[in-house]
Amino acid sequence: GQAEGAFADPATALVVRGVARACDQAGVGLLLGGADPPHADGIVLVRRQAPEHPPALPLVIVDGPPVDDAPRVMADARGAGAELAGYLAGLGHRTLAILGTTGVEDRLAGVRAGWPHPGGVTAYLSEQLTREHGEAAARAALRADPRPHAIIGLSDVLALGALDAAHRIGLRVPGDVSVAGIDDLPGSEAVGLTTVFVPYRPMGDRAGMLLAKRMQGAEVESPRPFPVALTIRGSTGPLLPWP
């Protein structure tokens, strides 16, 4: 069940592919499972909250909160949020809804830091990272008065749910509302989602290399955060009057 859940999250699936490649190069077997599976010699913990009881095995964190002194492989999440917020403000948007969930505090802080207008920002937090939860949060945001000019999903999964909500309500995207995400997952380009590219597969590759070194007894440090890149597509633009 946990292995299946990993592949249900597209970002985690990309990280796992990178880890698998690194394991192949290091001659290490890969086991998908829980935080402390039996017969494992080391663990890569991906996009997960810190476990209540950290495992005693060598551990590497990918895109998640710190656990003891384990090395972390991260992207510049705060910079991603700030750049995206600044871009939307530059389009003339003055009110913003943020869709998030637990574990994305850096992205949320970045969006808030990059938003230049006092106030005008409302966060809607979901219990789970699913497209359905993103749609439900976006429906709540779009019922607000005044309606937000723009919506940022702190993951593309949530942003895709926001697109679903806007289309079902009958709003133009863009025109009535701009929608953007963070991740640039497979499928985001096909629907024209403006987003921030996060290099999950190279992050997984680096995590696998670090874990192999830790399993050999070497001391390793967290690498510098991976850079991100804003990718502008058709889901964002200035507000337009109705014809």
Protein backbone atom coordinates (compact mmCIF):
# COMPACT_ATOMS: atom_id res chain seq x y z
CA GLY A 1 0.00 0.00 0.00
CA GLN A 2 2.77 2.46 0.86
CA ALA A 3 4.68 1.60 -2.30
CA GLU A 4 1.54 2.13 -4.36
CA GLY A 5 0.96 5.45 -2.59
CA ALA A 6 4.44 6.60 -3.54
CA PHE A 7 3.69 6.21 -7.22
CA ALA A 8 0.31 7.91 -6.77
CA ASP A 9 2.25 11.12 -6.06
CA PRO A 10 3.93 12.04 -9.38
CA ALA A 11 6.73 14.00 -7.69
CA THR A 12 7.61 11.05 -5.45
CA ALA A 13 7.57 8.73 -8.45
CA LEU A 14 10.14 10.95 -10.20
CA VAL A 15 12.37 10.91 -7.11
CA VAL A 16 12.12 7.12 -6.92
CA ARG A 17 13.24 6.82 -10.55
CA GLY A 18 16.31 8.90 -9.74
CA VAL A 19 17.03 6.84 -6.62
CA ALA A 20 16.67 3.65 -8.67
CA ARG A 21 19.21 4.84 -11.22
CA ALA A 22 21.70 5.74 -8.49
CA CYS A 23 21.16 2.36 -6.81
CA ASP A 24 21.81 0.58 -10.10
CA GLN A 25 25.07 2.48 -10.53
CA ALA A 26 26.13 1.70 -6.95
CA GLY A 27 25.12 -1.97 -7.19
CA VAL A 28 22.55 -1.55 -4.41
CA GLY A 29 19.10 -3.16 -4.41
CA LEU A 30 16.01 -0.97 -4.09
CA LEU A 31 13.05 -1.89 -1.85
CA LEU A 32 9.86 0.19 -1.84
CA GLY A 33 8.03 0.17 1.44
CA GLY A 34 7.52 1.87 4.78
CA ALA A 35 9.80 4.15 6.74
CA ASP A 36 11.69 1.25 8.36
CA PRO A 37 11.12 -1.85 6.20
CA PRO A 38 12.64 -5.19 7.14
CA HIS A 39 15.88 -6.30 5.49
CA ALA A 40 16.80 -2.74 4.46
CA ASP A 41 20.31 -1.32 4.90
CA GLY A 42 19.37 2.33 4.33
CA ILE A 43 16.33 4.53 3.71
CA VAL A 44 15.41 7.43 1.44
CA LEU A 45 12.43 9.25 2.94
CA VAL A 46 10.55 11.20 0.24
CA ARG A 47 8.08 14.04 0.81
CA ARG A 48 7.10 12.73 4.23
CA GLN A 49 6.65 14.29 7.64
CA ALA A 50 9.38 13.46 10.13
CA PRO A 51 8.68 10.03 11.67
CA GLU A 52 7.84 9.91 15.37
CA HIS A 53 10.62 7.37 15.89
CA PRO A 54 13.49 8.02 13.43
CA PRO A 55 14.93 4.82 11.97
CA ALA A 56 18.32 3.64 13.16
CA LEU A 57 19.42 2.92 9.58
CA PRO A 58 21.36 5.34 7.36
CA LEU A 59 18.81 7.89 6.16
CA VAL A 60 18.54 10.55 3.45
CA ILE A 61 15.63 13.02 3.26
CA VAL A 62 14.22 14.27 -0.05
CA ASP A 63 11.92 17.31 -0.09
CA GLY A 64 10.92 16.90 3.54
CA PRO A 65 11.55 18.22 7.06
CA PRO A 66 14.81 17.46 8.88
CA VAL A 67 15.29 14.24 10.83
CA ASP A 68 18.19 14.31 13.29
CA ASP A 69 21.43 14.84 11.34
CA ALA A 70 20.32 13.05 8.16
CA PRO A 71 21.38 14.81 4.94
CA ARG A 72 18.54 16.50 3.05
CA VAL A 73 18.21 16.84 -0.72
CA MET A 74 16.03 19.89 -1.30
CA ALA A 75 15.06 22.34 -4.00
CA ASP A 76 14.86 26.10 -3.51
CA ALA A 77 11.21 25.88 -2.46
CA ARG A 78 11.14 29.29 -0.83
CA GLY A 79 12.62 30.91 -3.92
CA ALA A 80 10.09 29.08 -6.09
CA GLY A 81 7.17 30.46 -4.12
CA ALA A 82 8.57 33.99 -4.05
CA GLU A 83 9.26 34.07 -7.79
CA LEU A 84 5.80 32.78 -8.65
CA ALA A 85 4.06 35.27 -6.35
CA GLY A 86 6.06 38.14 -7.81
CA TYR A 87 5.19 37.09 -11.34
CA LEU A 88 1.46 37.03 -10.58
CA ALA A 89 1.62 40.40 -8.86
CA GLY A 90 3.39 41.74 -11.93
CA LEU A 91 0.38 40.74 -14.04
CA GLY A 92 -1.70 43.16 -11.97
CA HIS A 93 -3.28 40.68 -9.58
CA ARG A 94 -3.98 42.09 -6.12
CA THR A 95 -5.66 39.21 -4.29
CA LEU A 96 -4.27 35.70 -3.99
CA ALA A 97 -5.49 32.33 -2.71
CA ILE A 98 -2.92 29.71 -1.75
CA LEU A 99 -3.77 26.01 -1.76
CA GLY A 100 -1.49 23.90 0.39
CA THR A 101 -1.12 20.95 2.70
CA THR A 102 1.24 19.90 5.47
CA GLY A 103 4.92 19.73 4.65
CA VAL A 104 5.06 22.71 2.28
CA GLU A 105 5.84 25.43 4.80
CA ASP A 106 8.90 26.65 2.85
CA ARG A 107 6.82 27.14 -0.27
CA LEU A 108 4.10 28.94 1.67
CA ALA A 109 6.65 31.22 3.30
CA GLY A 110 8.17 31.98 -0.09
CA VAL A 111 4.83 32.93 -1.61
CA ARG A 112 4.07 35.24 1.30
CA ALA A 113 7.53 36.82 1.06
CA GLY A 114 7.21 37.38 -2.68
CA TRP A 115 3.72 38.90 -2.57
CA PRO A 116 4.22 42.69 -2.59
CA HIS A 117 0.71 43.81 -1.56
CA PRO A 118 -0.24 44.16 2.10
CA GLY A 119 -2.98 41.64 2.83
CA GLY A 120 -4.93 40.12 0.00
CA VAL A 121 -3.56 36.62 0.66
CA THR A 122 -5.66 33.74 2.02
CA ALA A 123 -4.34 30.20 2.54
CA TYR A 124 -6.57 27.13 2.22
CA LEU A 125 -4.95 24.01 3.65
CA SER A 126 -6.08 20.51 2.71
CA GLU A 127 -5.59 17.31 4.66
CA GLN A 128 -4.31 15.38 1.66
CA LEU A 129 -2.33 16.10 -1.47
CA THR A 130 -4.85 15.07 -4.12
CA ARG A 131 -6.45 16.74 -7.10
CA GLU A 132 -9.85 16.30 -5.47
CA HIS A 133 -8.72 18.12 -2.34
CA GLY A 134 -7.28 20.87 -4.51
CA GLU A 135 -10.61 21.27 -6.26
CA ALA A 136 -12.51 21.45 -2.96
CA ALA A 137 -10.13 24.07 -1.57
CA ALA A 138 -10.32 26.08 -4.79
CA ARG A 139 -14.13 26.03 -4.70
CA ALA A 140 -14.00 27.51 -1.22
CA ALA A 141 -11.52 30.15 -2.37
CA LEU A 142 -13.57 31.09 -5.43
CA ARG A 143 -16.70 31.56 -3.29
CA ALA A 144 -14.95 34.29 -1.30
CA ASP A 145 -15.97 37.92 -1.72
CA PRO A 146 -13.94 39.44 -3.26
CA ARG A 147 -12.95 36.52 -5.44
CA PRO A 148 -9.17 36.04 -5.66
CA HIS A 149 -7.50 37.30 -8.80
CA ALA A 150 -5.06 34.37 -8.74
CA ILE A 151 -4.63 30.93 -7.16
CA ILE A 152 -1.32 29.24 -6.39
CA GLY A 153 -1.31 25.52 -5.68
CA LEU A 154 1.80 24.76 -3.65
CA SER A 155 1.89 21.53 -5.64
CA ASP A 156 0.80 21.05 -9.25
CA VAL A 157 -1.64 18.40 -8.02
CA LEU A 158 -3.55 21.06 -6.08
CA ALA A 159 -3.29 23.55 -8.95
CA LEU A 160 -4.84 21.01 -11.34
CA GLY A 161 -7.73 20.71 -8.90
CA ALA A 162 -8.07 24.49 -8.98
CA LEU A 163 -8.32 24.38 -12.78
CA ASP A 164 -11.10 21.80 -12.44
CA ALA A 165 -12.97 24.02 -9.98
CA ALA A 166 -12.67 27.15 -12.13
CA HIS A 167 -13.83 25.38 -15.27
CA ARG A 168 -16.82 23.78 -13.55
CA ILE A 169 -17.89 27.13 -12.11
CA GLY A 170 -17.63 28.64 -15.58
CA LEU A 171 -14.70 30.99 -15.00
CA ARG A 172 -12.16 31.87 -17.66
CA VAL A 173 -8.59 30.77 -16.93
CA PRO A 174 -6.95 33.18 -17.31
CA GLY A 175 -9.18 36.23 -17.63
CA ASP A 176 -11.31 35.74 -14.53
CA VAL A 177 -8.65 34.00 -12.48
CA SER A 178 -5.06 32.91 -13.00
CA VAL A 179 -3.94 29.50 -11.72
CA ALA A 180 -0.36 28.38 -11.13
CA GLY A 181 1.45 25.55 -9.37
CA ILE A 182 4.86 24.42 -8.18
CA ASP A 183 6.46 21.15 -9.43
CA ASP A 184 6.05 21.04 -13.25
CA LEU A 185 4.91 17.43 -13.12
CA PRO A 186 4.22 15.24 -16.15
CA GLY A 187 0.85 16.33 -17.50
CA SER A 188 1.09 19.95 -16.40
CA GLU A 189 2.34 21.11 -19.78
CA ALA A 190 -0.55 19.39 -21.56
CA VAL A 191 -3.11 21.52 -19.71
CA GLY A 192 -1.07 24.72 -20.03
CA LEU A 193 -0.35 25.14 -16.33
CA THR A 194 2.07 27.89 -15.34
CA THR A 195 4.33 26.34 -12.74
CA VAL A 196 7.81 26.21 -11.25
CA PHE A 197 9.99 23.31 -12.35
CA VAL A 198 11.43 21.29 -9.46
CA PRO A 199 14.12 18.78 -10.58
CA TYR A 200 12.80 15.76 -8.70
CA ARG A 201 14.57 13.08 -10.71
CA PRO A 202 18.06 14.62 -10.29
CA MET A 203 17.22 15.10 -6.60
CA GLY A 204 16.44 11.39 -6.37
CA ASP A 205 19.66 10.57 -8.17
CA ARG A 206 21.64 12.64 -5.67
CA ALA A 207 19.78 11.08 -2.73
CA GLY A 208 20.61 7.58 -3.94
CA MET A 209 24.29 8.48 -4.28
CA LEU A 210 24.38 9.98 -0.78
CA LEU A 211 22.66 6.94 0.71
CA ALA A 212 25.13 4.56 -0.93
CA LYS A 213 27.99 6.55 0.62
CA ARG A 214 26.33 6.55 4.05
CA MET A 215 25.82 2.79 3.84
CA GLN A 216 29.56 2.50 3.22
CA GLY A 217 30.22 4.45 6.44
CA ALA A 218 31.17 7.75 4.81
CA GLU A 219 30.19 11.11 6.29
CA VAL A 220 28.05 13.12 3.87
CA GLU A 221 26.60 16.61 4.03
CA SER A 222 23.39 18.04 2.62
CA PRO A 223 23.99 19.43 -0.88
CA ARG A 224 23.06 22.98 -1.80
CA PRO A 225 19.38 23.36 -2.73
CA PHE A 226 18.69 22.50 -6.35
CA PRO A 227 17.71 25.52 -8.48
CA VAL A 228 14.16 25.88 -9.79
CA ALA A 229 12.77 27.59 -12.89
CA LEU A 230 9.52 29.44 -13.55
CA THR A 231 7.68 28.03 -16.56
CA ILE A 232 5.02 30.39 -17.90
CA ARG A 233 2.12 28.83 -19.78
CA GLY A 234 -1.46 29.71 -20.64
CA SER A 235 -3.14 29.39 -17.22
CA THR A 236 -1.95 32.82 -16.10
CA GLY A 237 -2.54 36.29 -17.49
CA PRO A 238 -4.04 39.68 -16.63
CA LEU A 239 -7.68 40.01 -15.62
CA LEU A 240 -9.93 40.72 -18.59
CA PRO A 241 -13.36 42.39 -18.77
CA TRP A 242 -16.27 40.30 -19.97
CA PRO A 243 -17.11 41.00 -23.64
